[in-house]
Amino acid sequence: MANPIIGAVIIGRNEGKRLKQCLDTVFRDIPNVVYVDSGSTDDSLAVARATGAMTVELDLSQPFTAARARNTGFKALTDRITVDYVQFIDGDCALAEGWVEAARAVLDATSDCVVVCGRRRERFPEISIYNRLCDWEWDTPVGEARACGGDALVRAAAFAKVGGFNPDLIAGEEPELCVRLRGSGGRVFRIDHEMTLHDAAMTRFGQWWTRSRRAGHAYAEGAALHGKPPERHGVAETRRALLWGAALLIVILVLMLVVSPWMALLALIYPAQVLRLALRWGAGRRQSWERAFFLTLGKFPEVQGVLEFYLRRILGRRRRLIEYK
């Protein structure tokens, strides 16, 4: 496509100076920018307006979700101008130099490509193990992919055709969108190029637990929406959370009560799992042990999120946002 028109949608709340960094890096490459604010109490709106971004204040009388904020930004952008591609980016991220050009080239060259994502990196991985875990999580394989994250360059027509993000989802809205995009004949690619720097700002165990809990909720909701063959979206992740986070513990406790207290030794399956994963990634590296330990431990907050989803669904309760910062 010759000279495609590109716009950007940034979402955020109380991001402080991170938002200024985000806006500066986006405006460097994209002239048409919409910032959607979700009830900030700092000067985020003023900062965005000072850069020349179109600003939208999300209606908070309805339940807030990142998906709804992105959809609102997309509508504001496309009501203003006709765009071919849209860069979605979170306000706590900064866009890498050269990213837009590299991602645009893929969309230009591949007519059925609808989403291009790259390497999202954690800005401060040295500050905490939780930040390092985020950086590892985002290091996904290069090539055709099943999903993207919150930062991606998207073909606007394909996005509009499937109705955008599901505004009711409190998490996991990006993979769910990709399910529908792929179902309509589109393809998703992860290219070997720096895309964004992200500031997770996770320094406490409680933040990591909450984020993992949110992931479990997203797995269960994704499976409820698209769990049938051939997609099986979220099914394997939900089953692993239920198995490692609940079923095995229940079995061990029952055996301890019915057979013998010595059955507690069966709980050694958890450190054995840590060992197995660490050996797979290289037992001589500290990061391998960190990943293995927290991946195994993470099944407990994940199953909490899974069970919360099922309980709210049964009781008909409104979903509430699960925020870690």
C-alpha atoms as a PDB file:
ATOM      1  CA  MET A   1       0.000   0.000   0.000  1.00  0.00           C
ATOM      2  CA  ALA A   2       1.434   3.357  -1.036  1.00  0.00           C
ATOM      3  CA  ASN A   3       1.689   5.858   1.795  1.00  0.00           C
ATOM      4  CA  PRO A   4      -0.809   4.297   4.224  1.00  0.00           C
ATOM      5  CA  ILE A   5      -2.328   6.629   6.786  1.00  0.00           C
ATOM      6  CA  ILE A   6      -1.404   5.569  10.314  1.00  0.00           C
ATOM      7  CA  GLY A   7      -2.995   6.630  13.574  1.00  0.00           C
ATOM      8  CA  ALA A   8      -2.318   5.767  17.199  1.00  0.00           C
ATOM      9  CA  VAL A   9      -4.522   5.069  20.210  1.00  0.00           C
ATOM     10  CA  ILE A  10      -2.966   5.436  23.657  1.00  0.00           C
ATOM     11  CA  ILE A  11      -4.819   4.474  26.827  1.00  0.00           C
ATOM     12  CA  GLY A  12      -3.826   5.319  30.367  1.00  0.00           C
ATOM     13  CA  ARG A  13      -4.607   6.463  33.875  1.00  0.00           C
ATOM     14  CA  ASN A  14      -2.267   8.318  36.231  1.00  0.00           C
ATOM     15  CA  GLU A  15       0.823   7.349  34.247  1.00  0.00           C
ATOM     16  CA  GLY A  16       2.712  10.538  35.131  1.00  0.00           C
ATOM     17  CA  LYS A  17       5.959  11.105  33.265  1.00  0.00           C
ATOM     18  CA  ARG A  18       5.619   7.701  31.585  1.00  0.00           C
ATOM     19  CA  LEU A  19       2.738   9.123  29.550  1.00  0.00           C
ATOM     20  CA  LYS A  20       4.890  12.046  28.397  1.00  0.00           C
ATOM     21  CA  GLN A  21       7.558   9.591  27.245  1.00  0.00           C
ATOM     22  CA  CYS A  22       4.923   7.529  25.489  1.00  0.00           C
ATOM     23  CA  LEU A  23       3.435  10.532  23.670  1.00  0.00           C
ATOM     24  CA  ASP A  24       6.845  11.842  22.600  1.00  0.00           C
ATOM     25  CA  THR A  25       7.870   8.523  21.070  1.00  0.00           C
ATOM     26  CA  VAL A  26       4.523   8.009  19.330  1.00  0.00           C
ATOM     27  CA  PHE A  27       4.406  11.525  17.860  1.00  0.00           C
ATOM     28  CA  ARG A  28       7.934  10.975  16.554  1.00  0.00           C
ATOM     29  CA  ASP A  29       6.496   8.527  13.994  1.00  0.00           C
ATOM     30  CA  ILE A  30       2.704   9.017  13.949  1.00  0.00           C
ATOM     31  CA  PRO A  31       1.011  12.413  13.547  1.00  0.00           C
ATOM     32  CA  ASN A  32      -2.546  11.325  14.328  1.00  0.00           C
ATOM     33  CA  VAL A  33      -2.782  10.404  18.013  1.00  0.00           C
ATOM     34  CA  VAL A  34      -5.726   9.878  20.358  1.00  0.00           C
ATOM     35  CA  TYR A  35      -5.233   9.566  24.099  1.00  0.00           C
ATOM     36  CA  VAL A  36      -8.052   7.955  26.109  1.00  0.00           C
ATOM     37  CA  ASP A  37      -7.967   8.738  29.810  1.00  0.00           C
ATOM     38  CA  SER A  38      -9.683   6.487  32.324  1.00  0.00           C
ATOM     39  CA  GLY A  39     -10.265   8.769  35.286  1.00  0.00           C
ATOM     40  CA  SER A  40      -6.775  10.114  35.992  1.00  0.00           C
ATOM     41  CA  THR A  41      -6.345  12.306  39.044  1.00  0.00           C
ATOM     42  CA  ASP A  42      -2.913  13.562  37.974  1.00  0.00           C
ATOM     43  CA  ASP A  43      -2.128  15.901  35.060  1.00  0.00           C
ATOM     44  CA  SER A  44      -2.308  13.190  32.365  1.00  0.00           C
ATOM     45  CA  LEU A  45      -4.989  14.967  30.332  1.00  0.00           C
ATOM     46  CA  ALA A  46      -3.113  18.267  30.429  1.00  0.00           C
ATOM     47  CA  VAL A  47       0.106  16.535  29.382  1.00  0.00           C
ATOM     48  CA  ALA A  48      -1.612  14.843  26.448  1.00  0.00           C
ATOM     49  CA  ARG A  49      -3.299  18.050  25.303  1.00  0.00           C
ATOM     50  CA  ALA A  50      -0.020  19.948  25.489  1.00  0.00           C
ATOM     51  CA  THR A  51       1.535  17.538  22.981  1.00  0.00           C
ATOM     52  CA  GLY A  52      -1.300  18.041  20.519  1.00  0.00           C
ATOM     53  CA  ALA A  53      -2.991  14.684  21.027  1.00  0.00           C
ATOM     54  CA  MET A  54      -6.740  14.416  20.699  1.00  0.00           C
ATOM     55  CA  THR A  55      -7.980  13.528  24.174  1.00  0.00           C
ATOM     56  CA  VAL A  56     -11.031  11.536  25.206  1.00  0.00           C
ATOM     57  CA  GLU A  57     -12.254  11.061  28.772  1.00  0.00           C
ATOM     58  CA  LEU A  58     -13.773   7.623  29.173  1.00  0.00           C
ATOM     59  CA  ASP A  59     -17.302   7.553  30.539  1.00  0.00           C
ATOM     60  CA  LEU A  60     -16.784   5.975  33.948  1.00  0.00           C
ATOM     61  CA  SER A  61     -20.482   5.536  34.601  1.00  0.00           C
ATOM     62  CA  GLN A  62     -20.001   2.254  32.744  1.00  0.00           C
ATOM     63  CA  PRO A  63     -17.562  -0.421  33.971  1.00  0.00           C
ATOM     64  CA  PHE A  64     -14.044   0.480  32.871  1.00  0.00           C
ATOM     65  CA  THR A  65     -12.045  -1.969  30.783  1.00  0.00           C
ATOM     66  CA  ALA A  66      -8.940  -1.462  28.673  1.00  0.00           C
ATOM     67  CA  ALA A  67     -10.862  -2.994  25.775  1.00  0.00           C
ATOM     68  CA  ARG A  68     -13.587  -0.348  26.008  1.00  0.00           C
ATOM     69  CA  ALA A  69     -10.964   2.395  26.252  1.00  0.00           C
ATOM     70  CA  ARG A  70      -9.208   1.163  23.112  1.00  0.00           C
ATOM     71  CA  ASN A  71     -12.479   0.893  21.202  1.00  0.00           C
ATOM     72  CA  THR A  72     -13.398   4.415  22.268  1.00  0.00           C
ATOM     73  CA  GLY A  73     -10.040   5.683  21.060  1.00  0.00           C
ATOM     74  CA  PHE A  74     -10.382   3.855  17.741  1.00  0.00           C
ATOM     75  CA  LYS A  75     -13.806   5.403  17.153  1.00  0.00           C
ATOM     76  CA  ALA A  76     -12.580   8.899  18.016  1.00  0.00           C
ATOM     77  CA  LEU A  77      -9.634   8.460  15.664  1.00  0.00           C
ATOM     78  CA  THR A  78     -11.609   7.076  12.733  1.00  0.00           C
ATOM     79  CA  ASP A  79     -14.401   9.631  13.169  1.00  0.00           C
ATOM     80  CA  ARG A  80     -11.751  12.284  12.687  1.00  0.00           C
ATOM     81  CA  ILE A  81      -9.717  10.825   9.811  1.00  0.00           C
ATOM     82  CA  THR A  82      -9.601   7.765   7.585  1.00  0.00           C
ATOM     83  CA  VAL A  83      -6.734   5.516   8.652  1.00  0.00           C
ATOM     84  CA  ASP A  84      -5.312   2.331   7.191  1.00  0.00           C
ATOM     85  CA  TYR A  85      -3.343   1.144  10.228  1.00  0.00           C
ATOM     86  CA  VAL A  86      -3.663   1.851  13.942  1.00  0.00           C
ATOM     87  CA  GLN A  87      -0.933   1.523  16.530  1.00  0.00           C
ATOM     88  CA  PHE A  88      -2.394   0.569  19.901  1.00  0.00           C
ATOM     89  CA  ILE A  89      -0.112   1.288  22.839  1.00  0.00           C
ATOM     90  CA  ASP A  90      -0.480   1.574  26.607  1.00  0.00           C
ATOM     91  CA  GLY A  91       0.437   4.820  28.325  1.00  0.00           C
ATOM     92  CA  ASP A  92       3.162   3.155  30.403  1.00  0.00           C
ATOM     93  CA  CYS A  93       5.074   2.205  27.244  1.00  0.00           C
ATOM     94  CA  ALA A  94       7.450   3.987  24.877  1.00  0.00           C
ATOM     95  CA  LEU A  95       7.563   3.217  21.149  1.00  0.00           C
ATOM     96  CA  ALA A  96      10.903   1.991  19.786  1.00  0.00           C
ATOM     97  CA  GLU A  97      12.563   3.872  16.939  1.00  0.00           C
ATOM     98  CA  GLY A  98      11.988   2.221  13.584  1.00  0.00           C
ATOM     99  CA  TRP A  99       9.124   0.080  14.831  1.00  0.00           C
ATOM    100  CA  VAL A 100       6.324   1.713  12.860  1.00  0.00           C
ATOM    101  CA  GLU A 101       8.252   1.537   9.601  1.00  0.00           C
ATOM    102  CA  ALA A 102       9.146  -2.132  10.127  1.00  0.00           C
ATOM    103  CA  ALA A 103       5.626  -3.172  11.124  1.00  0.00           C
ATOM    104  CA  ARG A 104       4.038  -1.157   8.328  1.00  0.00           C
ATOM    105  CA  ALA A 105       6.252  -2.915   5.789  1.00  0.00           C
ATOM    106  CA  VAL A 106       4.826  -6.281   6.884  1.00  0.00           C
ATOM    107  CA  LEU A 107       1.234  -5.080   6.596  1.00  0.00           C
ATOM    108  CA  ASP A 108       2.012  -3.522   3.218  1.00  0.00           C
ATOM    109  CA  ALA A 109       3.559  -6.711   1.873  1.00  0.00           C
ATOM    110  CA  THR A 110       1.104  -9.270   3.274  1.00  0.00           C
ATOM    111  CA  SER A 111      -2.515  -8.575   2.366  1.00  0.00           C
ATOM    112  CA  ASP A 112      -3.991 -11.067   4.853  1.00  0.00           C
ATOM    113  CA  CYS A 113      -1.800  -9.895   7.725  1.00  0.00           C
ATOM    114  CA  VAL A 114      -4.013  -7.944  10.132  1.00  0.00           C
ATOM    115  CA  VAL A 115      -1.806  -7.560  13.224  1.00  0.00           C
ATOM    116  CA  VAL A 116       1.939  -7.065  13.636  1.00  0.00           C
ATOM    117  CA  CYS A 117       3.658  -7.089  17.015  1.00  0.00           C
ATOM    118  CA  GLY A 118       7.320  -7.109  18.024  1.00  0.00           C
ATOM    119  CA  ARG A 119       9.509  -7.317  21.101  1.00  0.00           C
ATOM    120  CA  ARG A 120       8.026  -5.610  24.131  1.00  0.00           C
ATOM    121  CA  ARG A 121      10.697  -5.178  26.787  1.00  0.00           C
ATOM    122  CA  GLU A 122      10.530  -4.300  30.432  1.00  0.00           C
ATOM    123  CA  ARG A 123      12.229  -0.950  31.023  1.00  0.00           C
ATOM    124  CA  PHE A 124      13.628  -1.833  34.476  1.00  0.00           C
ATOM    125  CA  PRO A 125      14.106  -5.631  34.706  1.00  0.00           C
ATOM    126  CA  GLU A 126      16.860  -5.206  37.273  1.00  0.00           C
ATOM    127  CA  ILE A 127      14.558  -3.589  39.845  1.00  0.00           C
ATOM    128  CA  SER A 128      12.619  -6.715  40.788  1.00  0.00           C
ATOM    129  CA  ILE A 129      12.176 -10.356  39.917  1.00  0.00           C
ATOM    130  CA  TYR A 130       8.574  -9.553  38.983  1.00  0.00           C
ATOM    131  CA  ASN A 131       9.713  -7.107  36.306  1.00  0.00           C
ATOM    132  CA  ARG A 132      12.137  -9.735  34.984  1.00  0.00           C
ATOM    133  CA  LEU A 133       9.318 -12.248  34.781  1.00  0.00           C
ATOM    134  CA  CYS A 134       7.338  -9.792  32.651  1.00  0.00           C
ATOM    135  CA  ASP A 135      10.294  -9.323  30.321  1.00  0.00           C
ATOM    136  CA  TRP A 136      10.583 -13.095  29.910  1.00  0.00           C
ATOM    137  CA  GLU A 137       6.831 -13.482  29.344  1.00  0.00           C
ATOM    138  CA  TRP A 138       6.946 -11.023  26.440  1.00  0.00           C
ATOM    139  CA  ASP A 139       9.813 -12.764  24.648  1.00  0.00           C
ATOM    140  CA  THR A 140       7.528 -14.749  22.354  1.00  0.00           C
ATOM    141  CA  PRO A 141       8.595 -16.694  19.221  1.00  0.00           C
ATOM    142  CA  VAL A 142       9.124 -14.807  15.978  1.00  0.00           C
ATOM    143  CA  GLY A 143       6.866 -15.714  13.057  1.00  0.00           C
ATOM    144  CA  GLU A 144       3.177 -16.277  12.565  1.00  0.00           C
ATOM    145  CA  ALA A 145       1.465 -16.079  15.945  1.00  0.00           C
ATOM    146  CA  ARG A 146      -1.887 -16.800  17.517  1.00  0.00           C
ATOM    147  CA  ALA A 147      -2.111 -13.588  19.508  1.00  0.00           C
ATOM    148  CA  CYS A 148      -0.604 -10.218  20.326  1.00  0.00           C
ATOM    149  CA  GLY A 149      -0.489  -8.076  23.448  1.00  0.00           C
ATOM    150  CA  GLY A 150      -1.703  -4.552  24.127  1.00  0.00           C
ATOM    151  CA  ASP A 151       0.895  -2.974  21.831  1.00  0.00           C
ATOM    152  CA  ALA A 152       0.475  -3.781  18.132  1.00  0.00           C
ATOM    153  CA  LEU A 153       0.012  -2.260  14.688  1.00  0.00           C
ATOM    154  CA  VAL A 154      -3.408  -3.321  13.416  1.00  0.00           C
ATOM    155  CA  ARG A 155      -5.121  -3.112  10.029  1.00  0.00           C
ATOM    156  CA  ALA A 156      -8.006  -0.734  10.715  1.00  0.00           C
ATOM    157  CA  ALA A 157     -10.505  -2.289   8.281  1.00  0.00           C
ATOM    158  CA  ALA A 158     -10.028  -5.779   9.744  1.00  0.00           C
ATOM    159  CA  PHE A 159     -10.339  -4.436  13.290  1.00  0.00           C
ATOM    160  CA  ALA A 160     -13.585  -2.654  12.444  1.00  0.00           C
ATOM    161  CA  LYS A 161     -14.947  -5.680  10.567  1.00  0.00           C
ATOM    162  CA  VAL A 162     -14.843  -7.902  13.687  1.00  0.00           C
ATOM    163  CA  GLY A 163     -16.200  -5.165  15.960  1.00  0.00           C
ATOM    164  CA  GLY A 164     -12.956  -4.323  17.733  1.00  0.00           C
ATOM    165  CA  PHE A 165     -12.130  -5.514  21.231  1.00  0.00           C
ATOM    166  CA  ASN A 166     -14.754  -7.209  23.368  1.00  0.00           C
ATOM    167  CA  PRO A 167     -15.546  -4.336  25.765  1.00  0.00           C
ATOM    168  CA  ASP A 168     -16.843  -6.652  28.491  1.00  0.00           C
ATOM    169  CA  LEU A 169     -13.525  -8.438  29.047  1.00  0.00           C
ATOM    170  CA  ILE A 170     -11.553  -7.285  32.079  1.00  0.00           C
ATOM    171  CA  ALA A 171      -8.402  -9.058  30.828  1.00  0.00           C
ATOM    172  CA  GLY A 172      -7.189 -11.113  27.889  1.00  0.00           C
ATOM    173  CA  GLU A 173      -8.938  -8.889  25.363  1.00  0.00           C
ATOM    174  CA  GLU A 174      -6.006  -8.929  22.910  1.00  0.00           C
ATOM    175  CA  PRO A 175      -5.786 -12.730  22.410  1.00  0.00           C
ATOM    176  CA  GLU A 176      -9.591 -12.869  22.203  1.00  0.00           C
ATOM    177  CA  LEU A 177      -9.561 -10.235  19.448  1.00  0.00           C
ATOM    178  CA  CYS A 178      -6.936 -12.248  17.589  1.00  0.00           C
ATOM    179  CA  VAL A 179      -9.149 -15.353  17.760  1.00  0.00           C
ATOM    180  CA  ARG A 180     -11.861 -13.466  15.894  1.00  0.00           C
ATOM    181  CA  LEU A 181      -9.429 -11.832  13.464  1.00  0.00           C
ATOM    182  CA  ARG A 182      -7.915 -15.193  12.565  1.00  0.00           C
ATOM    183  CA  GLY A 183     -11.383 -16.690  12.306  1.00  0.00           C
ATOM    184  CA  SER A 184     -12.228 -14.082   9.662  1.00  0.00           C
ATOM    185  CA  GLY A 185      -9.194 -15.054   7.591  1.00  0.00           C
ATOM    186  CA  GLY A 186      -6.578 -12.699   9.016  1.00  0.00           C
ATOM    187  CA  ARG A 187      -3.069 -13.560  10.138  1.00  0.00           C
ATOM    188  CA  VAL A 188      -1.024 -12.310  13.085  1.00  0.00           C
ATOM    189  CA  PHE A 189       2.753 -11.924  12.940  1.00  0.00           C
ATOM    190  CA  ARG A 190       5.414 -11.326  15.571  1.00  0.00           C
ATOM    191  CA  ILE A 191       8.495  -9.855  13.910  1.00  0.00           C
ATOM    192  CA  ASP A 192      12.064  -9.702  15.166  1.00  0.00           C
ATOM    193  CA  HIS A 193      12.110  -5.989  15.925  1.00  0.00           C
ATOM    194  CA  GLU A 194      12.072  -3.875  19.059  1.00  0.00           C
ATOM    195  CA  MET A 195       8.554  -2.531  19.572  1.00  0.00           C
ATOM    196  CA  THR A 196       8.028  -0.954  22.994  1.00  0.00           C
ATOM    197  CA  LEU A 197       9.585  -0.371  26.395  1.00  0.00           C
ATOM    198  CA  HIS A 198       7.129  -1.060  29.199  1.00  0.00           C
ATOM    199  CA  ASP A 199       7.232  -0.082  32.856  1.00  0.00           C
ATOM    200  CA  ALA A 200       5.459  -2.794  34.849  1.00  0.00           C
ATOM    201  CA  ALA A 201       6.491  -1.110  38.120  1.00  0.00           C
ATOM    202  CA  MET A 202       6.052  -4.388  40.009  1.00  0.00           C
ATOM    203  CA  THR A 203       8.110  -4.432  43.160  1.00  0.00           C
ATOM    204  CA  ARG A 204       5.862  -6.367  45.549  1.00  0.00           C
ATOM    205  CA  PHE A 205       4.798  -9.991  45.734  1.00  0.00           C
ATOM    206  CA  GLY A 206       1.173  -8.915  46.068  1.00  0.00           C
ATOM    207  CA  GLN A 207       1.307  -7.162  42.694  1.00  0.00           C
ATOM    208  CA  TRP A 208       2.624 -10.290  41.022  1.00  0.00           C
ATOM    209  CA  TRP A 209      -0.060 -12.417  42.705  1.00  0.00           C
ATOM    210  CA  THR A 210      -2.832 -10.072  41.530  1.00  0.00           C
ATOM    211  CA  ARG A 211      -1.490 -10.003  37.983  1.00  0.00           C
ATOM    212  CA  SER A 212      -1.339 -13.815  37.926  1.00  0.00           C
ATOM    213  CA  ARG A 213      -4.870 -13.979  39.319  1.00  0.00           C
ATOM    214  CA  ARG A 214      -6.024 -11.746  36.496  1.00  0.00           C
ATOM    215  CA  ALA A 215      -4.351 -14.089  34.003  1.00  0.00           C
ATOM    216  CA  GLY A 216      -6.318 -17.026  35.424  1.00  0.00           C
ATOM    217  CA  HIS A 217      -9.556 -15.084  35.048  1.00  0.00           C
ATOM    218  CA  ALA A 218      -8.639 -14.311  31.425  1.00  0.00           C
ATOM    219  CA  TYR A 219      -7.893 -17.985  30.679  1.00  0.00           C
ATOM    220  CA  ALA A 220     -11.250 -19.108  32.047  1.00  0.00           C
ATOM    221  CA  GLU A 221     -13.215 -16.393  30.282  1.00  0.00           C
ATOM    222  CA  GLY A 222     -11.371 -17.039  27.031  1.00  0.00           C
ATOM    223  CA  ALA A 223     -12.204 -20.736  27.283  1.00  0.00           C
ATOM    224  CA  ALA A 224     -15.857 -19.902  27.949  1.00  0.00           C
ATOM    225  CA  LEU A 225     -15.977 -17.787  24.791  1.00  0.00           C
ATOM    226  CA  HIS A 226     -13.825 -19.776  22.369  1.00  0.00           C
ATOM    227  CA  GLY A 227     -13.017 -23.059  24.097  1.00  0.00           C
ATOM    228  CA  LYS A 228     -14.648 -25.310  21.517  1.00  0.00           C
ATOM    229  CA  PRO A 229     -12.603 -26.964  18.736  1.00  0.00           C
ATOM    230  CA  PRO A 230     -10.744 -26.076  16.680  1.00  0.00           C
ATOM    231  CA  GLU A 231      -9.661 -22.977  18.607  1.00  0.00           C
ATOM    232  CA  ARG A 232      -9.639 -24.335  22.193  1.00  0.00           C
ATOM    233  CA  HIS A 233      -8.723 -20.847  23.323  1.00  0.00           C
ATOM    234  CA  GLY A 234      -7.657 -20.743  26.977  1.00  0.00           C
ATOM    235  CA  VAL A 235      -8.605 -24.375  27.624  1.00  0.00           C
ATOM    236  CA  ALA A 236      -5.117 -25.787  28.250  1.00  0.00           C
ATOM    237  CA  GLU A 237      -4.153 -22.860  30.502  1.00  0.00           C
ATOM    238  CA  THR A 238      -7.364 -23.177  32.517  1.00  0.00           C
ATOM    239  CA  ARG A 239      -6.887 -26.913  32.954  1.00  0.00           C
ATOM    240  CA  ARG A 240      -3.286 -26.484  34.103  1.00  0.00           C
ATOM    241  CA  ALA A 241      -4.364 -23.902  36.676  1.00  0.00           C
ATOM    242  CA  LEU A 242      -7.109 -26.191  37.974  1.00  0.00           C
ATOM    243  CA  LEU A 243      -4.792 -29.213  38.074  1.00  0.00           C
ATOM    244  CA  TRP A 244      -1.728 -27.658  39.728  1.00  0.00           C
ATOM    245  CA  GLY A 245      -3.489 -24.972  41.735  1.00  0.00           C
ATOM    246  CA  ALA A 246      -6.369 -27.004  43.157  1.00  0.00           C
ATOM    247  CA  ALA A 247      -6.902 -30.633  42.111  1.00  0.00           C
ATOM    248  CA  LEU A 248      -3.511 -31.985  43.199  1.00  0.00           C
ATOM    249  CA  LEU A 249      -3.716 -30.237  46.563  1.00  0.00           C
ATOM    250  CA  ILE A 250      -7.200 -31.588  47.207  1.00  0.00           C
ATOM    251  CA  VAL A 251      -6.114 -35.127  46.318  1.00  0.00           C
ATOM    252  CA  ILE A 252      -3.104 -34.886  48.633  1.00  0.00           C
ATOM    253  CA  LEU A 253      -5.211 -33.559  51.516  1.00  0.00           C
ATOM    254  CA  VAL A 254      -7.805 -36.315  51.059  1.00  0.00           C
ATOM    255  CA  LEU A 255      -5.122 -38.996  50.994  1.00  0.00           C
ATOM    256  CA  MET A 256      -3.555 -37.560  54.151  1.00  0.00           C
ATOM    257  CA  LEU A 257      -6.900 -37.802  55.942  1.00  0.00           C
ATOM    258  CA  VAL A 258      -7.983 -41.172  54.565  1.00  0.00           C
ATOM    259  CA  VAL A 259      -4.742 -43.099  54.109  1.00  0.00           C
ATOM    260  CA  SER A 260      -1.847 -41.631  56.083  1.00  0.00           C
ATOM    261  CA  PRO A 261      -0.282 -38.290  57.032  1.00  0.00           C
ATOM    262  CA  TRP A 262       2.757 -39.552  55.116  1.00  0.00           C
ATOM    263  CA  MET A 263       0.819 -38.824  51.938  1.00  0.00           C
ATOM    264  CA  ALA A 264       1.937 -35.235  52.479  1.00  0.00           C
ATOM    265  CA  LEU A 265       5.165 -36.316  50.768  1.00  0.00           C
ATOM    266  CA  LEU A 266       3.225 -36.268  47.523  1.00  0.00           C
ATOM    267  CA  ALA A 267       3.478 -32.484  47.709  1.00  0.00           C
ATOM    268  CA  LEU A 268       7.077 -32.959  46.563  1.00  0.00           C
ATOM    269  CA  ILE A 269       5.580 -33.024  43.081  1.00  0.00           C
ATOM    270  CA  TYR A 270       5.714 -29.216  43.204  1.00  0.00           C
ATOM    271  CA  PRO A 271       9.480 -28.850  43.783  1.00  0.00           C
ATOM    272  CA  ALA A 272       9.918 -31.678  41.256  1.00  0.00           C
ATOM    273  CA  GLN A 273       8.028 -29.568  38.726  1.00  0.00           C
ATOM    274  CA  VAL A 274      10.264 -26.601  39.498  1.00  0.00           C
ATOM    275  CA  LEU A 275      13.312 -28.798  38.923  1.00  0.00           C
ATOM    276  CA  ARG A 276      11.926 -30.172  35.661  1.00  0.00           C
ATOM    277  CA  LEU A 277      11.268 -26.705  34.261  1.00  0.00           C
ATOM    278  CA  ALA A 278      14.619 -25.322  35.418  1.00  0.00           C
ATOM    279  CA  LEU A 279      16.455 -28.187  33.724  1.00  0.00           C
ATOM    280  CA  ARG A 280      14.536 -27.516  30.518  1.00  0.00           C
ATOM    281  CA  TRP A 281      15.692 -23.881  30.443  1.00  0.00           C
ATOM    282  CA  GLY A 282      19.226 -24.487  31.740  1.00  0.00           C
ATOM    283  CA  ALA A 283      19.749 -25.272  35.420  1.00  0.00           C
ATOM    284  CA  GLY A 284      23.005 -23.313  35.507  1.00  0.00           C
ATOM    285  CA  ARG A 285      21.200 -20.030  35.019  1.00  0.00           C
ATOM    286  CA  ARG A 286      19.561 -18.143  37.877  1.00  0.00           C
ATOM    287  CA  GLN A 287      16.784 -16.934  35.599  1.00  0.00           C
ATOM    288  CA  SER A 288      15.797 -20.512  34.825  1.00  0.00           C
ATOM    289  CA  TRP A 289      15.171 -21.197  38.511  1.00  0.00           C
ATOM    290  CA  GLU A 290      13.286 -17.919  38.946  1.00  0.00           C
ATOM    291  CA  ARG A 291      11.015 -18.687  36.031  1.00  0.00           C
ATOM    292  CA  ALA A 292      10.471 -22.295  37.059  1.00  0.00           C
ATOM    293  CA  PHE A 293       9.629 -21.375  40.652  1.00  0.00           C
ATOM    294  CA  PHE A 294       7.192 -18.577  39.826  1.00  0.00           C
ATOM    295  CA  LEU A 295       5.604 -20.435  36.921  1.00  0.00           C
ATOM    296  CA  THR A 296       4.804 -23.282  39.315  1.00  0.00           C
ATOM    297  CA  LEU A 297       3.744 -21.003  42.174  1.00  0.00           C
ATOM    298  CA  GLY A 298       1.678 -18.950  39.742  1.00  0.00           C
ATOM    299  CA  LYS A 299      -0.850 -21.745  39.345  1.00  0.00           C
ATOM    300  CA  PHE A 300      -2.281 -20.856  42.781  1.00  0.00           C
ATOM    301  CA  PRO A 301      -3.252 -17.241  41.980  1.00  0.00           C
ATOM    302  CA  GLU A 302      -4.297 -18.391  38.511  1.00  0.00           C
ATOM    303  CA  VAL A 303      -6.732 -20.928  39.901  1.00  0.00           C
ATOM    304  CA  GLN A 304      -8.080 -18.213  42.185  1.00  0.00           C
ATOM    305  CA  GLY A 305      -8.836 -16.147  39.093  1.00  0.00           C
ATOM    306  CA  VAL A 306     -10.383 -19.135  37.326  1.00  0.00           C
ATOM    307  CA  LEU A 307     -12.683 -19.883  40.265  1.00  0.00           C
ATOM    308  CA  GLU A 308     -13.629 -16.216  40.626  1.00  0.00           C
ATOM    309  CA  PHE A 309     -14.737 -16.197  36.987  1.00  0.00           C
ATOM    310  CA  TYR A 310     -16.851 -19.319  37.423  1.00  0.00           C
ATOM    311  CA  LEU A 311     -18.397 -18.035  40.670  1.00  0.00           C
ATOM    312  CA  ARG A 312     -19.319 -14.658  39.204  1.00  0.00           C
ATOM    313  CA  ARG A 313     -20.748 -16.361  36.150  1.00  0.00           C
ATOM    314  CA  ILE A 314     -22.925 -18.659  38.271  1.00  0.00           C
ATOM    315  CA  LEU A 315     -24.100 -15.821  40.523  1.00  0.00           C
ATOM    316  CA  GLY A 316     -24.559 -13.395  37.647  1.00  0.00           C
ATOM    317  CA  ARG A 317     -22.352 -10.791  39.271  1.00  0.00           C
ATOM    318  CA  ARG A 318     -20.766  -7.964  37.319  1.00  0.00           C
ATOM    319  CA  ARG A 319     -17.084  -8.399  36.522  1.00  0.00           C
ATOM    320  CA  ARG A 320     -14.689  -6.157  38.405  1.00  0.00           C
ATOM    321  CA  LEU A 321     -11.360  -4.982  37.163  1.00  0.00           C
ATOM    322  CA  ILE A 322      -8.335  -6.824  38.580  1.00  0.00           C
ATOM    323  CA  GLU A 323      -5.533  -4.265  38.750  1.00  0.00           C
ATOM    324  CA  TYR A 324      -2.035  -4.830  40.062  1.00  0.00           C
ATOM    325  CA  LYS A 325      -0.894  -1.198  40.037  1.00  0.00           C
END
